[in-house]
Amino acid sequence: MSVKIIIIRKVPQEKQTEIRPLLLKMRVIANAQVGYISGETLINYDDPQEHLVISTWKSLENWNSWLANEKRIELQKRVDAVLGTETLYRIYYNG
C-alpha cells in the first residue's frame, strides 16, 4: 500500500537562501530511492514561513528505508540545525 508523507517545516525568511540547497539535495537523493514515487513542496500563502512537503512512496517499508538512509540523516541534521527546530513528519495512507 502506498503512503504519503507530510513534512512540515518553519523556514524564516532570512534562512530560506541557506536552506534551499540542502532541501534540493535531499530531493535529488530521494528521487533515486527504491519506492519513491513523487514529491512536491508547498508554501503557505498566508504564512510563507510554513513549508509543506508531500512525498509519495510505494510502501511504508520504502519510506522507512529512506528515513534510515545515512545521507538523508546527515542532511536532515543540517536542515534542523539551520532552522533551529526539528522537522515534523506525518504518515498517511488512502482510507
Protein backbone atom coordinates (compact mmCIF):
# COMPACT_ATOMS: atom_id res chain seq x y z
CA MET A 1 0.00 0.00 0.00
CA SER A 2 1.39 3.42 -0.95
CA VAL A 3 1.87 6.09 1.70
CA LYS A 4 2.04 9.85 1.65
CA ILE A 5 4.43 11.58 3.97
CA ILE A 6 3.64 15.09 5.12
CA ILE A 7 6.72 17.04 6.18
CA ILE A 8 6.23 20.40 7.88
CA ARG A 9 8.95 22.99 8.37
CA LYS A 10 9.01 26.59 9.57
CA VAL A 11 11.55 28.42 7.40
CA PRO A 12 12.18 32.01 8.44
CA GLN A 13 12.69 34.40 5.52
CA GLU A 14 16.34 35.00 6.45
CA LYS A 15 17.05 31.22 6.36
CA GLN A 16 15.44 30.43 3.00
CA THR A 17 18.57 31.03 0.91
CA GLU A 18 20.65 28.84 3.22
CA ILE A 19 18.12 26.00 3.47
CA ARG A 20 17.14 25.71 -0.19
CA PRO A 21 20.30 23.89 -1.44
CA LEU A 22 20.04 21.35 1.40
CA LEU A 23 16.40 20.58 0.60
CA LEU A 24 17.11 20.33 -3.14
CA LYS A 25 19.96 17.92 -2.45
CA MET A 26 17.68 15.82 -0.25
CA ARG A 27 15.05 15.73 -3.03
CA VAL A 28 17.65 14.59 -5.59
CA ILE A 29 18.79 11.76 -3.31
CA ALA A 30 15.18 10.77 -2.51
CA ASN A 31 14.41 10.53 -6.24
CA ALA A 32 16.96 7.72 -6.54
CA GLN A 33 15.50 5.68 -3.66
CA VAL A 34 13.59 2.46 -4.19
CA GLY A 35 9.87 3.11 -3.83
CA TYR A 36 9.95 6.88 -4.24
CA ILE A 37 7.04 7.98 -6.43
CA SER A 38 6.82 11.75 -6.18
CA GLY A 39 7.20 14.81 -4.04
CA GLU A 40 6.08 18.39 -4.03
CA THR A 41 6.82 21.38 -1.85
CA LEU A 42 4.08 23.86 -0.98
CA ILE A 43 4.45 27.22 0.73
CA ASN A 44 1.56 28.53 2.81
CA TYR A 45 0.10 31.56 1.06
CA ASP A 46 -0.87 33.25 4.35
CA ASP A 47 2.31 32.24 6.20
CA PRO A 48 5.27 31.95 3.77
CA GLN A 49 7.45 30.58 6.57
CA GLU A 50 5.39 27.37 6.61
CA HIS A 51 6.68 24.87 4.07
CA LEU A 52 4.82 21.63 3.47
CA VAL A 53 6.30 18.69 1.57
CA ILE A 54 4.06 15.90 0.31
CA SER A 55 6.10 12.83 -0.56
CA THR A 56 4.59 9.64 -2.00
CA TRP A 57 6.19 6.22 -1.51
CA LYS A 58 5.17 2.78 -2.77
CA SER A 59 5.18 1.36 0.75
CA LEU A 60 5.83 2.21 4.36
CA GLU A 61 8.89 -0.04 4.18
CA ASN A 62 10.30 2.10 1.35
CA TRP A 63 9.73 5.26 3.41
CA ASN A 64 11.34 3.69 6.48
CA SER A 65 14.38 2.71 4.40
CA TRP A 66 14.70 6.31 3.25
CA LEU A 67 14.22 7.55 6.80
CA ALA A 68 17.16 5.35 7.88
CA ASN A 69 19.37 6.42 4.94
CA GLU A 70 22.65 7.84 6.28
CA LYS A 71 22.85 10.59 3.64
CA ARG A 72 19.29 11.67 4.47
CA ILE A 73 20.00 11.66 8.18
CA GLU A 74 23.08 13.85 7.73
CA LEU A 75 21.22 16.33 5.53
CA GLN A 76 18.27 16.37 7.90
CA LYS A 77 20.56 17.18 10.83
CA ARG A 78 21.93 20.12 8.85
CA VAL A 79 18.42 21.31 7.95
CA ASP A 80 17.27 21.12 11.57
CA ALA A 81 20.43 22.92 12.73
CA VAL A 82 19.83 25.79 10.30
CA LEU A 83 16.15 26.06 11.25
CA GLY A 84 16.74 25.54 14.97
CA THR A 85 13.77 23.15 15.17
CA GLU A 86 13.08 19.52 14.45
CA THR A 87 11.25 18.69 11.23
CA LEU A 88 7.79 17.15 11.71
CA TYR A 89 6.72 14.03 9.77
CA ARG A 90 3.26 12.54 9.41
CA ILE A 91 2.46 9.31 7.55
CA TYR A 92 -0.87 8.88 5.74
CA TYR A 93 -2.47 6.19 3.59
CA ASN A 94 -5.59 6.17 1.42
CA GLY A 95 -8.61 5.36 3.54
